[in-house]
C-alpha atoms as a PDB file:
ATOM      1  CA  MET A   1       0.000   0.000   0.000  1.00  0.00           C
ATOM      2  CA  LYS A   2       2.849   2.344   0.861  1.00  0.00           C
ATOM      3  CA  ASN A   3       4.417   1.728  -2.588  1.00  0.00           C
ATOM      4  CA  LEU A   4       1.097   2.454  -4.272  1.00  0.00           C
ATOM      5  CA  LYS A   5       0.897   5.831  -2.479  1.00  0.00           C
ATOM      6  CA  SER A   6       4.477   6.649  -3.531  1.00  0.00           C
ATOM      7  CA  ILE A   7       3.790   5.695  -7.144  1.00  0.00           C
ATOM      8  CA  THR A   8       0.551   7.694  -7.157  1.00  0.00           C
ATOM      9  CA  LEU A   9       2.311  10.759  -5.708  1.00  0.00           C
ATOM     10  CA  ALA A  10       5.113  10.456  -8.252  1.00  0.00           C
ATOM     11  CA  LEU A  11       2.584  10.161 -11.074  1.00  0.00           C
ATOM     12  CA  VAL A  12       0.732  13.279  -9.874  1.00  0.00           C
ATOM     13  CA  VAL A  13       4.014  15.243  -9.763  1.00  0.00           C
ATOM     14  CA  VAL A  14       5.000  14.114 -13.277  1.00  0.00           C
ATOM     15  CA  LEU A  15       1.560  14.864 -14.719  1.00  0.00           C
ATOM     16  CA  SER A  16       1.508  18.284 -13.039  1.00  0.00           C
ATOM     17  CA  ALA A  17       4.881  19.130 -14.570  1.00  0.00           C
ATOM     18  CA  MET A  18       3.688  17.957 -17.982  1.00  0.00           C
ATOM     19  CA  SER A  19       0.514  20.024 -17.767  1.00  0.00           C
ATOM     20  CA  VAL A  20       2.450  23.315 -17.946  1.00  0.00           C
ATOM     21  CA  THR A  21       1.651  24.441 -21.449  1.00  0.00           C
ATOM     22  CA  ALA A  22       3.777  26.686 -23.561  1.00  0.00           C
ATOM     23  CA  GLN A  23       2.744  30.311 -23.725  1.00  0.00           C
ATOM     24  CA  THR A  24       3.682  32.331 -26.811  1.00  0.00           C
ATOM     25  CA  LYS A  25       4.272  36.022 -26.105  1.00  0.00           C
ATOM     26  CA  LYS A  26       4.113  38.157 -29.244  1.00  0.00           C
ATOM     27  CA  ILE A  27       6.611  40.991 -29.476  1.00  0.00           C
ATOM     28  CA  LYS A  28       5.219  44.536 -29.542  1.00  0.00           C
ATOM     29  CA  THR A  29       7.233  45.660 -32.552  1.00  0.00           C
ATOM     30  CA  SER A  30       6.449  49.382 -32.161  1.00  0.00           C
ATOM     31  CA  ALA A  31       7.745  49.343 -28.564  1.00  0.00           C
ATOM     32  CA  SER A  32      10.825  47.159 -29.267  1.00  0.00           C
ATOM     33  CA  THR A  33      14.182  48.371 -30.599  1.00  0.00           C
ATOM     34  CA  ILE A  34      17.180  47.024 -32.439  1.00  0.00           C
ATOM     35  CA  ASN A  35      20.170  49.383 -32.460  1.00  0.00           C
ATOM     36  CA  TRP A  36      23.205  48.484 -34.559  1.00  0.00           C
ATOM     37  CA  VAL A  37      26.834  49.625 -34.541  1.00  0.00           C
ATOM     38  CA  GLY A  38      29.313  48.937 -37.323  1.00  0.00           C
ATOM     39  CA  LYS A  39      32.932  49.931 -36.810  1.00  0.00           C
ATOM     40  CA  LYS A  40      35.717  50.780 -39.214  1.00  0.00           C
ATOM     41  CA  VAL A  41      39.338  51.809 -38.791  1.00  0.00           C
ATOM     42  CA  THR A  42      38.454  55.509 -38.822  1.00  0.00           C
ATOM     43  CA  GLY A  43      35.332  55.405 -36.645  1.00  0.00           C
ATOM     44  CA  ALA A  44      31.884  53.862 -36.505  1.00  0.00           C
ATOM     45  CA  HIS A  45      28.334  54.241 -37.733  1.00  0.00           C
ATOM     46  CA  GLU A  46      25.178  53.423 -35.843  1.00  0.00           C
ATOM     47  CA  GLY A  47      21.495  53.173 -36.474  1.00  0.00           C
ATOM     48  CA  THR A  48      18.307  51.210 -36.081  1.00  0.00           C
ATOM     49  CA  ILE A  49      16.419  48.449 -37.834  1.00  0.00           C
ATOM     50  CA  ASN A  50      12.834  47.282 -37.219  1.00  0.00           C
ATOM     51  CA  LEU A  51      11.270  43.976 -36.326  1.00  0.00           C
ATOM     52  CA  LYS A  52       8.481  42.792 -38.623  1.00  0.00           C
ATOM     53  CA  ASP A  53       7.251  40.340 -36.007  1.00  0.00           C
ATOM     54  CA  GLY A  54       8.453  37.960 -33.377  1.00  0.00           C
ATOM     55  CA  ALA A  55       7.555  35.898 -30.345  1.00  0.00           C
ATOM     56  CA  LEU A  56       9.119  34.313 -27.303  1.00  0.00           C
ATOM     57  CA  VAL A  57       7.803  31.018 -25.973  1.00  0.00           C
ATOM     58  CA  PHE A  58       7.728  30.258 -22.256  1.00  0.00           C
ATOM     59  CA  LYS A  59       6.755  27.202 -20.227  1.00  0.00           C
ATOM     60  CA  GLY A  60       5.818  28.675 -16.898  1.00  0.00           C
ATOM     61  CA  LYS A  61       8.494  31.322 -16.363  1.00  0.00           C
ATOM     62  CA  LYS A  62      11.166  29.447 -18.327  1.00  0.00           C
ATOM     63  CA  LEU A  63      12.136  30.520 -21.860  1.00  0.00           C
ATOM     64  CA  VAL A  64      11.840  27.592 -24.284  1.00  0.00           C
ATOM     65  CA  GLY A  65      11.732  29.175 -27.758  1.00  0.00           C
ATOM     66  CA  GLY A  66      11.643  32.216 -29.981  1.00  0.00           C
ATOM     67  CA  THR A  67      11.363  33.351 -33.599  1.00  0.00           C
ATOM     68  CA  PHE A  68      11.871  36.782 -35.164  1.00  0.00           C
ATOM     69  CA  ASN A  69      11.662  38.443 -38.570  1.00  0.00           C
ATOM     70  CA  VAL A  70      13.549  41.691 -39.219  1.00  0.00           C
ATOM     71  CA  ASP A  71      12.627  44.184 -41.947  1.00  0.00           C
ATOM     72  CA  MET A  72      15.987  44.719 -43.657  1.00  0.00           C
ATOM     73  CA  ASN A  73      14.583  47.616 -45.717  1.00  0.00           C
ATOM     74  CA  SER A  74      13.989  49.563 -42.492  1.00  0.00           C
ATOM     75  CA  ILE A  75      17.708  50.060 -41.821  1.00  0.00           C
ATOM     76  CA  VAL A  76      18.398  53.661 -40.792  1.00  0.00           C
ATOM     77  CA  VAL A  77      21.655  55.455 -40.011  1.00  0.00           C
ATOM     78  CA  THR A  78      21.280  57.649 -36.897  1.00  0.00           C
ATOM     79  CA  ASP A  79      24.771  59.135 -36.502  1.00  0.00           C
ATOM     80  CA  LEU A  80      24.569  61.157 -39.745  1.00  0.00           C
ATOM     81  CA  LYS A  81      22.093  63.832 -40.785  1.00  0.00           C
ATOM     82  CA  ALA A  82      20.549  64.450 -44.186  1.00  0.00           C
ATOM     83  CA  GLY A  83      23.148  65.975 -46.467  1.00  0.00           C
ATOM     84  CA  GLN A  84      26.041  64.477 -44.460  1.00  0.00           C
ATOM     85  CA  GLY A  85      26.054  61.156 -46.315  1.00  0.00           C
ATOM     86  CA  LYS A  86      23.125  59.588 -44.425  1.00  0.00           C
ATOM     87  CA  GLU A  87      21.143  58.715 -47.565  1.00  0.00           C
ATOM     88  CA  LYS A  88      24.241  57.449 -49.374  1.00  0.00           C
ATOM     89  CA  LEU A  89      25.219  55.126 -46.511  1.00  0.00           C
ATOM     90  CA  GLU A  90      21.646  53.835 -46.067  1.00  0.00           C
ATOM     91  CA  GLY A  91      21.488  53.102 -49.800  1.00  0.00           C
ATOM     92  CA  HIS A  92      24.836  51.323 -49.675  1.00  0.00           C
ATOM     93  CA  LEU A  93      23.735  49.176 -46.707  1.00  0.00           C
ATOM     94  CA  ARG A  94      20.660  48.113 -48.717  1.00  0.00           C
ATOM     95  CA  ALA A  95      22.759  47.403 -51.849  1.00  0.00           C
ATOM     96  CA  ASP A  96      23.892  43.944 -52.958  1.00  0.00           C
ATOM     97  CA  ASP A  97      27.441  44.302 -51.560  1.00  0.00           C
ATOM     98  CA  PHE A  98      25.916  44.652 -48.088  1.00  0.00           C
ATOM     99  CA  PHE A  99      22.430  43.309 -47.234  1.00  0.00           C
ATOM    100  CA  GLY A 100      20.855  43.140 -50.729  1.00  0.00           C
ATOM    101  CA  THR A 101      17.446  44.134 -49.413  1.00  0.00           C
ATOM    102  CA  ASP A 102      15.752  44.137 -52.846  1.00  0.00           C
ATOM    103  CA  LYS A 103      16.252  40.378 -52.964  1.00  0.00           C
ATOM    104  CA  PHE A 104      16.521  39.631 -49.231  1.00  0.00           C
ATOM    105  CA  GLY A 105      14.045  41.955 -47.499  1.00  0.00           C
ATOM    106  CA  THR A 106      13.746  39.845 -44.346  1.00  0.00           C
ATOM    107  CA  ALA A 107      16.304  38.383 -41.957  1.00  0.00           C
ATOM    108  CA  THR A 108      15.168  35.664 -39.557  1.00  0.00           C
ATOM    109  CA  LEU A 109      16.282  34.369 -36.180  1.00  0.00           C
ATOM    110  CA  VAL A 110      15.046  31.030 -34.805  1.00  0.00           C
ATOM    111  CA  PHE A 111      16.021  29.801 -31.343  1.00  0.00           C
ATOM    112  CA  LYS A 112      17.473  26.269 -31.469  1.00  0.00           C
ATOM    113  CA  LYS A 113      19.003  25.680 -28.020  1.00  0.00           C
ATOM    114  CA  ILE A 114      18.372  27.496 -24.741  1.00  0.00           C
ATOM    115  CA  VAL A 115      20.454  26.954 -21.615  1.00  0.00           C
ATOM    116  CA  THR A 116      19.469  28.549 -18.306  1.00  0.00           C
ATOM    117  CA  LYS A 117      22.478  30.371 -16.768  1.00  0.00           C
ATOM    118  CA  ALA A 118      20.607  31.967 -13.857  1.00  0.00           C
ATOM    119  CA  LYS A 119      17.084  33.083 -13.039  1.00  0.00           C
ATOM    120  CA  ASN A 120      15.837  34.995 -16.123  1.00  0.00           C
ATOM    121  CA  LEU A 121      19.256  34.699 -17.848  1.00  0.00           C
ATOM    122  CA  TYR A 122      19.689  32.321 -20.780  1.00  0.00           C
ATOM    123  CA  THR A 123      22.354  31.432 -23.304  1.00  0.00           C
ATOM    124  CA  VAL A 124      20.576  31.093 -26.639  1.00  0.00           C
ATOM    125  CA  THR A 125      21.941  29.430 -29.766  1.00  0.00           C
ATOM    126  CA  SER A 126      19.909  30.413 -32.811  1.00  0.00           C
ATOM    127  CA  ASP A 127      19.875  30.049 -36.552  1.00  0.00           C
ATOM    128  CA  LEU A 128      20.284  33.507 -38.104  1.00  0.00           C
ATOM    129  CA  THR A 129      19.440  33.899 -41.792  1.00  0.00           C
ATOM    130  CA  ILE A 130      20.753  36.957 -43.652  1.00  0.00           C
ATOM    131  CA  LYS A 131      20.860  37.125 -47.470  1.00  0.00           C
ATOM    132  CA  GLY A 132      19.471  33.577 -47.628  1.00  0.00           C
ATOM    133  CA  ILE A 133      22.459  32.203 -45.680  1.00  0.00           C
ATOM    134  CA  THR A 134      21.797  30.518 -42.319  1.00  0.00           C
ATOM    135  CA  LYS A 135      24.495  30.308 -39.645  1.00  0.00           C
ATOM    136  CA  PRO A 136      24.388  29.719 -35.889  1.00  0.00           C
ATOM    137  CA  VAL A 137      24.789  32.650 -33.509  1.00  0.00           C
ATOM    138  CA  THR A 138      24.970  32.452 -29.698  1.00  0.00           C
ATOM    139  CA  PHE A 139      24.125  35.203 -27.208  1.00  0.00           C
ATOM    140  CA  ASP A 140      22.886  35.773 -23.663  1.00  0.00           C
ATOM    141  CA  LEU A 141      19.280  36.938 -23.203  1.00  0.00           C
ATOM    142  CA  VAL A 142      17.806  38.500 -20.058  1.00  0.00           C
ATOM    143  CA  THR A 143      14.039  38.321 -19.520  1.00  0.00           C
ATOM    144  CA  THR A 144      11.515  39.931 -17.178  1.00  0.00           C
ATOM    145  CA  ALA A 145       7.737  39.527 -17.059  1.00  0.00           C
ATOM    146  CA  ASN A 146       7.295  41.623 -20.228  1.00  0.00           C
ATOM    147  CA  THR A 147      10.767  42.428 -21.629  1.00  0.00           C
ATOM    148  CA  ALA A 148      13.863  40.734 -23.013  1.00  0.00           C
ATOM    149  CA  THR A 149      17.255  42.268 -23.783  1.00  0.00           C
ATOM    150  CA  THR A 150      20.438  41.097 -25.431  1.00  0.00           C
ATOM    151  CA  ASN A 151      23.596  42.256 -27.162  1.00  0.00           C
ATOM    152  CA  VAL A 152      24.595  40.195 -30.176  1.00  0.00           C
ATOM    153  CA  LYS A 153      27.849  40.258 -32.145  1.00  0.00           C
ATOM    154  CA  ILE A 154      27.501  39.092 -35.753  1.00  0.00           C
ATOM    155  CA  ASP A 155      30.291  38.343 -38.229  1.00  0.00           C
ATOM    156  CA  ARG A 156      28.912  39.780 -41.474  1.00  0.00           C
ATOM    157  CA  THR A 157      31.379  37.839 -43.644  1.00  0.00           C
ATOM    158  CA  LYS A 158      29.582  34.586 -42.744  1.00  0.00           C
ATOM    159  CA  TYR A 159      26.607  35.983 -44.698  1.00  0.00           C
ATOM    160  CA  ASP A 160      28.631  36.900 -47.803  1.00  0.00           C
ATOM    161  CA  ILE A 161      28.937  40.575 -46.801  1.00  0.00           C
ATOM    162  CA  LYS A 162      32.602  41.094 -47.574  1.00  0.00           C
ATOM    163  CA  TYR A 163      32.670  44.734 -48.706  1.00  0.00           C
ATOM    164  CA  GLY A 164      35.631  46.519 -47.109  1.00  0.00           C
ATOM    165  CA  SER A 165      36.654  43.476 -45.062  1.00  0.00           C
ATOM    166  CA  GLY A 166      40.347  43.294 -44.212  1.00  0.00           C
ATOM    167  CA  SER A 167      39.881  39.520 -43.956  1.00  0.00           C
ATOM    168  CA  PHE A 168      39.266  39.312 -47.706  1.00  0.00           C
ATOM    169  CA  PHE A 169      40.917  42.374 -49.263  1.00  0.00           C
ATOM    170  CA  ASP A 170      44.493  43.602 -48.932  1.00  0.00           C
ATOM    171  CA  SER A 171      45.577  47.238 -49.096  1.00  0.00           C
ATOM    172  CA  LEU A 172      42.362  48.676 -47.614  1.00  0.00           C
ATOM    173  CA  GLY A 173      44.321  50.691 -45.068  1.00  0.00           C
ATOM    174  CA  ASP A 174      42.055  53.107 -43.215  1.00  0.00           C
ATOM    175  CA  LYS A 175      39.097  52.106 -45.441  1.00  0.00           C
ATOM    176  CA  ALA A 176      38.776  48.694 -43.743  1.00  0.00           C
ATOM    177  CA  ILE A 177      35.458  47.882 -42.060  1.00  0.00           C
ATOM    178  CA  ASN A 178      35.291  45.477 -39.112  1.00  0.00           C
ATOM    179  CA  ASP A 179      33.805  42.078 -39.913  1.00  0.00           C
ATOM    180  CA  ASP A 180      31.674  42.135 -36.757  1.00  0.00           C
ATOM    181  CA  PHE A 181      28.714  44.394 -36.145  1.00  0.00           C
ATOM    182  CA  ASN A 182      26.815  44.662 -32.879  1.00  0.00           C
ATOM    183  CA  LEU A 183      23.105  44.652 -32.160  1.00  0.00           C
ATOM    184  CA  ALA A 184      21.553  45.919 -28.911  1.00  0.00           C
ATOM    185  CA  VAL A 185      18.059  44.451 -28.776  1.00  0.00           C
ATOM    186  CA  ALA A 186      15.299  45.515 -26.367  1.00  0.00           C
ATOM    187  CA  LEU A 187      12.040  43.599 -26.749  1.00  0.00           C
ATOM    188  CA  LYS A 188       8.666  44.320 -25.185  1.00  0.00           C
ATOM    189  CA  PHE A 189       5.813  41.806 -25.167  1.00  0.00           C
END
């Protein structure tokens, strides 16, 4: 009889744990931000880019998934003003030797592996697709009840964006552009 009670209690605990259903929290795109920084030998440029849509998936309070689509045509340079090269740089970033937004208007990020580092802190490995090329990217993500934040470093050359890269072209001198660019992401849901 004692064993039957133990088995029954164990079964109730297992079934209770299994009954926690996943909750998908849609991202409020108008309240969320993605700020980018690209560096070169002689300085840096920064700007913003917009999410088309996205969602994080939780089981209870634990992050278990996420997917995002970014509108590559929304890329804006914020460190230059009109007439100072802003329009030229934005056009170049949309051109084929950078993001090729006429052909590849959306970049996607799909969470593949999530490891809990601490309460509300996760290491996420995702598949990032830019210009039709998918590569893994890993970053830490902090969550609260209705926000998530991260800083992500991306090597643009992995997505066939080699313009001005000292890794591929010699004699660039002070015209070289760093291979990595950084994204500071603040999500609200």
